[in-house]
Amino acid sequence: KHGRFCEGFEEFEQSVKDAIIELGGVVVPKLTWSCPIDALFVSCEGNLKCKSAEEIFLLLQCSDVIVHDLYHAFDCVGEIFPGNGEEEKEEEEEEKKNDEITPDVEHSLVLKKWANLRSGREMRCYIFKNELKGICQRDP
């Protein structure tokens, strides 16, 4: 059926379909850290609401945010934590590393039950050492 996909994809696709049904038939996808919020242009309704595995895969495939999480999430780690004892690598090795999925991270596809939220009512909460430090409106 899906000869162009890697081995085991059919089982993964079926588990996604089963999860969609289990969550009421409408979900929001998230991959490890991020939602494919920049891929709304491919959504018929202009939101992350997905009713099928194909819609989920399309959003993930079209998202630069997801590509960043998969291939470039740790690009600036050396800049943030300099002097970690590693020698500088050649540019060729660095480019090769950036072209590979980070091997130390097991990425997860998370499906959340869809809820029609008004973005103007969403709030960001800032917590430090288990104490609420601030709240602000997410999307005014």
N, C-alpha and C. Protein backbone atom coordinates (compact mmCIF):
# COMPACT_ATOMS: atom_id res chain seq x y z
N LYS A 1 0.82 -1.20 0.00
CA LYS A 1 0.00 0.00 0.00
C LYS A 1 0.86 1.26 0.00
N HIS A 2 1.79 1.38 0.94
CA HIS A 2 2.64 2.56 1.04
C HIS A 2 4.08 2.18 0.72
N GLY A 3 4.34 1.73 -0.49
CA GLY A 3 5.66 1.28 -0.87
C GLY A 3 6.73 2.34 -0.76
N ARG A 4 6.34 3.61 -0.79
CA ARG A 4 7.33 4.68 -0.76
C ARG A 4 7.77 5.05 0.66
N PHE A 5 7.13 4.49 1.67
CA PHE A 5 7.46 4.81 3.05
C PHE A 5 8.41 3.77 3.63
N CYS A 6 9.03 4.13 4.74
CA CYS A 6 9.97 3.23 5.37
C CYS A 6 9.25 2.07 6.06
N GLU A 7 10.01 1.05 6.36
CA GLU A 7 9.46 -0.14 7.00
C GLU A 7 8.85 0.23 8.35
N GLY A 8 7.69 -0.30 8.62
CA GLY A 8 7.01 -0.02 9.88
C GLY A 8 6.08 1.17 9.83
N PHE A 9 6.06 1.88 8.70
CA PHE A 9 5.22 3.08 8.64
C PHE A 9 3.74 2.75 8.71
N GLU A 10 3.34 1.64 8.08
CA GLU A 10 1.92 1.29 8.10
C GLU A 10 1.42 1.08 9.52
N GLU A 11 2.24 0.45 10.36
CA GLU A 11 1.86 0.23 11.76
C GLU A 11 1.76 1.56 12.51
N PHE A 12 2.73 2.44 12.24
CA PHE A 12 2.71 3.76 12.87
C PHE A 12 1.47 4.54 12.43
N GLU A 13 1.19 4.53 11.14
CA GLU A 13 0.02 5.22 10.61
C GLU A 13 -1.26 4.68 11.24
N GLN A 14 -1.35 3.37 11.39
CA GLN A 14 -2.54 2.77 12.00
C GLN A 14 -2.66 3.18 13.47
N SER A 15 -1.54 3.27 14.18
CA SER A 15 -1.61 3.68 15.59
C SER A 15 -2.05 5.14 15.70
N VAL A 16 -1.67 5.97 14.74
CA VAL A 16 -2.13 7.37 14.71
C VAL A 16 -3.64 7.40 14.46
N LYS A 17 -4.11 6.61 13.51
CA LYS A 17 -5.55 6.55 13.22
C LYS A 17 -6.33 6.07 14.43
N ASP A 18 -5.81 5.06 15.12
CA ASP A 18 -6.47 4.54 16.32
C ASP A 18 -6.53 5.60 17.42
N ALA A 19 -5.45 6.36 17.57
CA ALA A 19 -5.41 7.42 18.59
C ALA A 19 -6.41 8.52 18.26
N ILE A 20 -6.55 8.85 17.00
CA ILE A 20 -7.53 9.87 16.60
C ILE A 20 -8.93 9.43 16.99
N ILE A 21 -9.25 8.19 16.71
CA ILE A 21 -10.57 7.65 17.07
C ILE A 21 -10.76 7.68 18.59
N GLU A 22 -9.73 7.25 19.32
CA GLU A 22 -9.79 7.20 20.78
C GLU A 22 -9.99 8.59 21.40
N LEU A 23 -9.45 9.61 20.73
CA LEU A 23 -9.56 10.98 21.25
C LEU A 23 -10.78 11.73 20.71
N GLY A 24 -11.71 11.02 20.12
CA GLY A 24 -12.95 11.64 19.70
C GLY A 24 -13.02 12.04 18.24
N GLY A 25 -12.01 11.69 17.46
CA GLY A 25 -12.05 11.93 16.03
C GLY A 25 -11.44 13.23 15.55
N VAL A 26 -11.05 14.11 16.48
CA VAL A 26 -10.44 15.39 16.09
C VAL A 26 -9.30 15.67 17.07
N VAL A 27 -8.09 15.92 16.53
CA VAL A 27 -6.91 16.10 17.38
C VAL A 27 -6.06 17.28 16.92
N VAL A 28 -5.12 17.65 17.78
CA VAL A 28 -4.08 18.63 17.47
C VAL A 28 -2.75 17.90 17.59
N PRO A 29 -1.90 17.95 16.55
CA PRO A 29 -0.61 17.26 16.62
C PRO A 29 0.49 18.14 17.21
N LYS A 30 1.42 17.48 17.87
CA LYS A 30 2.60 18.14 18.41
C LYS A 30 3.74 17.14 18.30
N LEU A 31 4.90 17.60 17.90
CA LEU A 31 6.06 16.71 17.79
C LEU A 31 7.09 17.13 18.82
N THR A 32 7.36 16.28 19.78
CA THR A 32 8.32 16.48 20.86
C THR A 32 8.14 17.82 21.57
N TRP A 33 8.60 18.92 20.97
CA TRP A 33 8.56 20.21 21.64
C TRP A 33 7.55 21.19 21.04
N SER A 34 7.25 21.05 19.77
CA SER A 34 6.51 22.10 19.08
C SER A 34 5.32 21.59 18.28
N CYS A 35 4.36 22.49 18.07
CA CYS A 35 3.25 22.26 17.16
C CYS A 35 3.62 22.86 15.80
N PRO A 36 3.09 22.31 14.73
CA PRO A 36 3.40 22.85 13.40
C PRO A 36 2.58 24.10 13.08
N ILE A 37 2.65 25.07 13.96
CA ILE A 37 1.82 26.28 13.87
C ILE A 37 2.10 27.09 12.60
N ASP A 38 3.30 26.96 12.05
CA ASP A 38 3.65 27.71 10.84
C ASP A 38 3.13 27.05 9.56
N ALA A 39 2.48 25.90 9.69
CA ALA A 39 1.97 25.19 8.51
C ALA A 39 0.46 25.32 8.35
N LEU A 40 -0.12 26.30 8.99
CA LEU A 40 -1.57 26.48 8.91
C LEU A 40 -2.04 26.76 7.48
N PHE A 41 -1.14 27.22 6.63
CA PHE A 41 -1.52 27.53 5.25
C PHE A 41 -1.99 26.30 4.49
N VAL A 42 -1.63 25.09 4.94
CA VAL A 42 -2.08 23.88 4.25
C VAL A 42 -3.37 23.32 4.85
N SER A 43 -3.80 23.90 5.96
CA SER A 43 -5.02 23.44 6.63
C SER A 43 -6.24 24.07 5.98
N CYS A 44 -7.25 23.26 5.74
CA CYS A 44 -8.49 23.77 5.12
C CYS A 44 -9.19 24.79 6.02
N GLU A 45 -9.09 24.60 7.33
CA GLU A 45 -9.79 25.48 8.27
C GLU A 45 -8.88 26.55 8.88
N GLY A 46 -7.61 26.55 8.52
CA GLY A 46 -6.69 27.55 9.04
C GLY A 46 -6.33 27.36 10.50
N ASN A 47 -6.40 26.11 10.97
CA ASN A 47 -6.02 25.81 12.35
C ASN A 47 -5.34 24.44 12.38
N LEU A 48 -5.00 23.96 13.56
CA LEU A 48 -4.30 22.68 13.70
C LEU A 48 -5.25 21.49 13.87
N LYS A 49 -6.51 21.70 13.66
CA LYS A 49 -7.53 20.66 13.81
C LYS A 49 -7.33 19.58 12.74
N CYS A 50 -7.10 18.34 13.18
CA CYS A 50 -6.87 17.23 12.25
C CYS A 50 -7.85 16.10 12.52
N LYS A 51 -8.42 15.59 11.43
CA LYS A 51 -9.37 14.48 11.53
C LYS A 51 -8.81 13.19 10.96
N SER A 52 -7.62 13.26 10.35
CA SER A 52 -7.03 12.06 9.75
C SER A 52 -5.52 12.08 9.91
N ALA A 53 -4.93 10.91 9.78
CA ALA A 53 -3.48 10.79 9.85
C ALA A 53 -2.82 11.58 8.72
N GLU A 54 -3.46 11.59 7.56
CA GLU A 54 -2.90 12.31 6.42
C GLU A 54 -2.79 13.80 6.70
N GLU A 55 -3.80 14.37 7.36
CA GLU A 55 -3.75 15.80 7.71
C GLU A 55 -2.60 16.07 8.68
N ILE A 56 -2.40 15.18 9.63
CA ILE A 56 -1.31 15.33 10.60
C ILE A 56 0.03 15.29 9.88
N PHE A 57 0.22 14.30 9.03
CA PHE A 57 1.49 14.15 8.33
C PHE A 57 1.76 15.34 7.41
N LEU A 58 0.72 15.87 6.78
CA LEU A 58 0.88 17.03 5.91
C LEU A 58 1.33 18.25 6.71
N LEU A 59 0.70 18.50 7.85
CA LEU A 59 1.10 19.63 8.69
C LEU A 59 2.55 19.49 9.14
N LEU A 60 2.92 18.30 9.60
CA LEU A 60 4.29 18.08 10.06
C LEU A 60 5.30 18.26 8.93
N GLN A 61 4.94 17.76 7.76
CA GLN A 61 5.83 17.82 6.61
C GLN A 61 6.05 19.25 6.13
N CYS A 62 5.06 20.11 6.27
CA CYS A 62 5.13 21.48 5.75
C CYS A 62 5.66 22.48 6.78
N SER A 63 5.99 22.04 7.96
CA SER A 63 6.35 22.95 9.04
C SER A 63 7.86 23.14 9.19
N ASP A 64 8.30 24.39 9.08
CA ASP A 64 9.70 24.72 9.35
C ASP A 64 10.03 24.57 10.83
N VAL A 65 9.05 24.80 11.68
CA VAL A 65 9.25 24.64 13.13
C VAL A 65 9.60 23.18 13.44
N ILE A 66 8.89 22.25 12.83
CA ILE A 66 9.15 20.83 13.05
C ILE A 66 10.51 20.44 12.47
N VAL A 67 10.83 20.95 11.29
CA VAL A 67 12.15 20.69 10.69
C VAL A 67 13.26 21.17 11.63
N HIS A 68 13.07 22.35 12.21
CA HIS A 68 14.06 22.86 13.16
C HIS A 68 14.21 21.92 14.35
N ASP A 69 13.09 21.47 14.91
CA ASP A 69 13.15 20.56 16.06
C ASP A 69 13.87 19.26 15.72
N LEU A 70 13.66 18.76 14.51
CA LEU A 70 14.28 17.49 14.12
C LEU A 70 15.76 17.62 13.79
N TYR A 71 16.12 18.69 13.10
CA TYR A 71 17.47 18.78 12.55
C TYR A 71 18.37 19.84 13.18
N HIS A 72 17.81 20.85 13.82
CA HIS A 72 18.64 21.97 14.27
C HIS A 72 18.37 22.39 15.72
N ALA A 73 17.72 21.57 16.49
CA ALA A 73 17.32 21.96 17.84
C ALA A 73 18.52 22.30 18.73
N PHE A 74 19.66 21.69 18.47
CA PHE A 74 20.82 21.90 19.34
C PHE A 74 21.95 22.64 18.65
N ASP A 75 21.65 23.33 17.57
CA ASP A 75 22.69 24.03 16.82
C ASP A 75 23.44 25.06 17.66
N CYS A 76 22.75 25.73 18.56
CA CYS A 76 23.39 26.80 19.32
C CYS A 76 23.86 26.36 20.70
N VAL A 77 23.83 25.08 21.00
CA VAL A 77 24.22 24.62 22.33
C VAL A 77 25.66 24.99 22.64
N GLY A 78 26.55 24.85 21.67
CA GLY A 78 27.95 25.22 21.88
C GLY A 78 28.11 26.70 22.16
N GLU A 79 27.24 27.53 21.57
CA GLU A 79 27.30 28.97 21.80
C GLU A 79 26.80 29.33 23.19
N ILE A 80 25.80 28.60 23.66
CA ILE A 80 25.24 28.88 24.98
C ILE A 80 26.14 28.35 26.09
N PHE A 81 26.72 27.17 25.86
CA PHE A 81 27.58 26.55 26.86
C PHE A 81 28.99 26.38 26.29
N PRO A 82 29.73 27.48 26.11
CA PRO A 82 31.07 27.36 25.53
C PRO A 82 32.04 26.66 26.48
N GLY A 83 33.10 26.14 25.91
CA GLY A 83 34.14 25.51 26.72
C GLY A 83 33.72 24.20 27.32
N ASN A 84 32.95 23.41 26.59
CA ASN A 84 32.52 22.13 27.14
C ASN A 84 33.56 21.04 26.92
N GLY A 85 34.76 21.43 26.49
CA GLY A 85 35.85 20.47 26.36
C GLY A 85 35.96 19.81 25.00
N GLU A 86 35.01 20.02 24.13
CA GLU A 86 35.07 19.40 22.82
C GLU A 86 35.87 20.29 21.87
N GLU A 87 36.65 19.65 21.02
CA GLU A 87 37.40 20.40 20.03
C GLU A 87 36.44 20.90 18.95
N GLU A 88 36.81 22.00 18.33
CA GLU A 88 35.98 22.51 17.24
C GLU A 88 36.05 21.54 16.07
N LYS A 89 34.94 21.35 15.42
CA LYS A 89 34.87 20.41 14.30
C LYS A 89 35.04 21.16 13.00
N GLU A 90 35.45 20.42 11.98
CA GLU A 90 35.57 20.99 10.65
C GLU A 90 34.19 21.37 10.14
N GLU A 91 34.12 22.35 9.23
CA GLU A 91 32.84 22.79 8.69
C GLU A 91 32.08 21.65 8.03
N GLU A 92 32.78 20.76 7.36
CA GLU A 92 32.13 19.64 6.68
C GLU A 92 31.43 18.74 7.69
N GLU A 93 32.10 18.45 8.81
CA GLU A 93 31.51 17.61 9.83
C GLU A 93 30.29 18.29 10.45
N GLU A 94 30.38 19.60 10.64
CA GLU A 94 29.28 20.36 11.22
C GLU A 94 28.06 20.32 10.29
N GLU A 95 28.30 20.50 8.99
CA GLU A 95 27.19 20.43 8.03
C GLU A 95 26.57 19.05 8.03
N LYS A 96 27.40 18.02 8.10
CA LYS A 96 26.89 16.65 8.13
C LYS A 96 26.04 16.44 9.38
N LYS A 97 26.51 16.94 10.52
CA LYS A 97 25.77 16.80 11.77
C LYS A 97 24.40 17.49 11.67
N ASN A 98 24.37 18.66 11.06
CA ASN A 98 23.12 19.40 10.93
C ASN A 98 22.14 18.71 9.99
N ASP A 99 22.65 17.87 9.10
CA ASP A 99 21.78 17.16 8.17
C ASP A 99 21.19 15.89 8.76
N GLU A 100 21.65 15.50 9.93
CA GLU A 100 21.17 14.28 10.56
C GLU A 100 20.23 14.62 11.70
N ILE A 101 19.30 13.73 11.98
CA ILE A 101 18.43 13.90 13.13
C ILE A 101 19.27 13.69 14.38
N THR A 102 19.07 14.53 15.38
CA THR A 102 19.83 14.42 16.62
C THR A 102 19.63 13.03 17.21
N PRO A 103 20.69 12.23 17.32
CA PRO A 103 20.54 10.84 17.75
C PRO A 103 20.19 10.68 19.22
N ASP A 104 20.47 11.67 20.05
CA ASP A 104 20.25 11.55 21.48
C ASP A 104 18.80 11.78 21.90
N VAL A 105 17.97 12.21 20.97
CA VAL A 105 16.59 12.55 21.30
C VAL A 105 15.64 11.57 20.62
N GLU A 106 14.77 10.98 21.41
CA GLU A 106 13.71 10.16 20.84
C GLU A 106 12.50 11.06 20.67
N HIS A 107 12.19 11.40 19.44
CA HIS A 107 11.08 12.30 19.17
C HIS A 107 9.76 11.56 19.34
N SER A 108 8.76 12.29 19.78
CA SER A 108 7.43 11.72 20.02
C SER A 108 6.38 12.54 19.30
N LEU A 109 5.45 11.85 18.69
CA LEU A 109 4.27 12.51 18.13
C LEU A 109 3.21 12.47 19.21
N VAL A 110 2.77 13.65 19.63
CA VAL A 110 1.75 13.76 20.67
C VAL A 110 0.47 14.25 20.02
N LEU A 111 -0.62 13.57 20.28
CA LEU A 111 -1.92 14.00 19.77
C LEU A 111 -2.77 14.40 20.96
N LYS A 112 -3.31 15.61 20.88
CA LYS A 112 -4.18 16.11 21.95
C LYS A 112 -5.59 16.25 21.41
N LYS A 113 -6.56 15.99 22.26
CA LYS A 113 -7.95 16.14 21.86
C LYS A 113 -8.21 17.60 21.48
N TRP A 114 -8.88 17.81 20.36
CA TRP A 114 -9.17 19.16 19.87
C TRP A 114 -10.13 19.87 20.80
N ALA A 115 -9.83 21.12 21.07
CA ALA A 115 -10.73 22.00 21.81
C ALA A 115 -10.74 23.33 21.08
N ASN A 116 -11.90 23.85 20.81
CA ASN A 116 -12.03 25.11 20.07
C ASN A 116 -11.82 26.28 21.03
N LEU A 117 -10.56 26.65 21.24
CA LEU A 117 -10.21 27.71 22.17
C LEU A 117 -10.08 29.03 21.43
N ARG A 118 -10.47 30.09 22.08
CA ARG A 118 -10.26 31.42 21.53
C ARG A 118 -8.88 31.89 21.97
N SER A 119 -8.02 32.16 21.01
CA SER A 119 -6.63 32.48 21.34
C SER A 119 -6.51 33.72 22.22
N GLY A 120 -7.46 34.63 22.16
CA GLY A 120 -7.43 35.82 23.00
C GLY A 120 -7.65 35.52 24.47
N ARG A 121 -8.11 34.31 24.77
CA ARG A 121 -8.34 33.92 26.17
C ARG A 121 -7.23 33.02 26.71
N GLU A 122 -6.24 32.73 25.89
CA GLU A 122 -5.13 31.90 26.35
C GLU A 122 -4.14 32.77 27.13
N MET A 123 -3.58 32.19 28.16
CA MET A 123 -2.63 32.90 29.01
C MET A 123 -1.32 32.12 29.09
N ARG A 124 -0.23 32.84 29.24
CA ARG A 124 1.07 32.23 29.51
C ARG A 124 1.36 32.42 30.99
N CYS A 125 1.76 31.34 31.62
CA CYS A 125 2.12 31.40 33.04
C CYS A 125 3.61 31.14 33.17
N TYR A 126 4.28 31.97 33.94
CA TYR A 126 5.72 31.86 34.15
C TYR A 126 5.96 31.35 35.57
N ILE A 127 6.60 30.19 35.64
CA ILE A 127 6.83 29.54 36.93
C ILE A 127 8.33 29.40 37.13
N PHE A 128 8.79 29.75 38.32
CA PHE A 128 10.19 29.61 38.68
C PHE A 128 10.26 28.97 40.06
N LYS A 129 10.97 27.86 40.14
CA LYS A 129 11.09 27.11 41.40
C LYS A 129 9.72 26.82 42.01
N ASN A 130 8.84 26.29 41.17
CA ASN A 130 7.49 25.90 41.58
C ASN A 130 6.63 27.04 42.11
N GLU A 131 6.96 28.27 41.76
CA GLU A 131 6.18 29.42 42.20
C GLU A 131 5.77 30.24 40.98
N LEU A 132 4.49 30.59 40.91
CA LEU A 132 3.98 31.40 39.82
C LEU A 132 4.56 32.81 39.92
N LYS A 133 5.29 33.22 38.89
CA LYS A 133 5.95 34.54 38.90
C LYS A 133 5.24 35.56 38.03
N GLY A 134 4.49 35.11 37.04
CA GLY A 134 3.82 36.07 36.17
C GLY A 134 2.84 35.40 35.24
N ILE A 135 1.89 36.21 34.77
CA ILE A 135 0.88 35.76 33.82
C ILE A 135 0.69 36.87 32.79
N CYS A 136 0.56 36.48 31.53
CA CYS A 136 0.24 37.47 30.51
C CYS A 136 -0.63 36.81 29.44
N GLN A 137 -1.34 37.64 28.70
CA GLN A 137 -2.17 37.14 27.63
C GLN A 137 -1.28 36.65 26.50
N ARG A 138 -1.58 35.48 25.97
CA ARG A 138 -0.73 34.89 24.95
C ARG A 138 -0.87 35.59 23.61
N ASP A 139 -2.08 35.84 23.18
CA ASP A 139 -2.33 36.41 21.86
C ASP A 139 -3.38 37.51 21.99
N PRO A 140 -2.94 38.74 22.24
CA PRO A 140 -3.92 39.82 22.49
C PRO A 140 -4.80 40.12 21.30
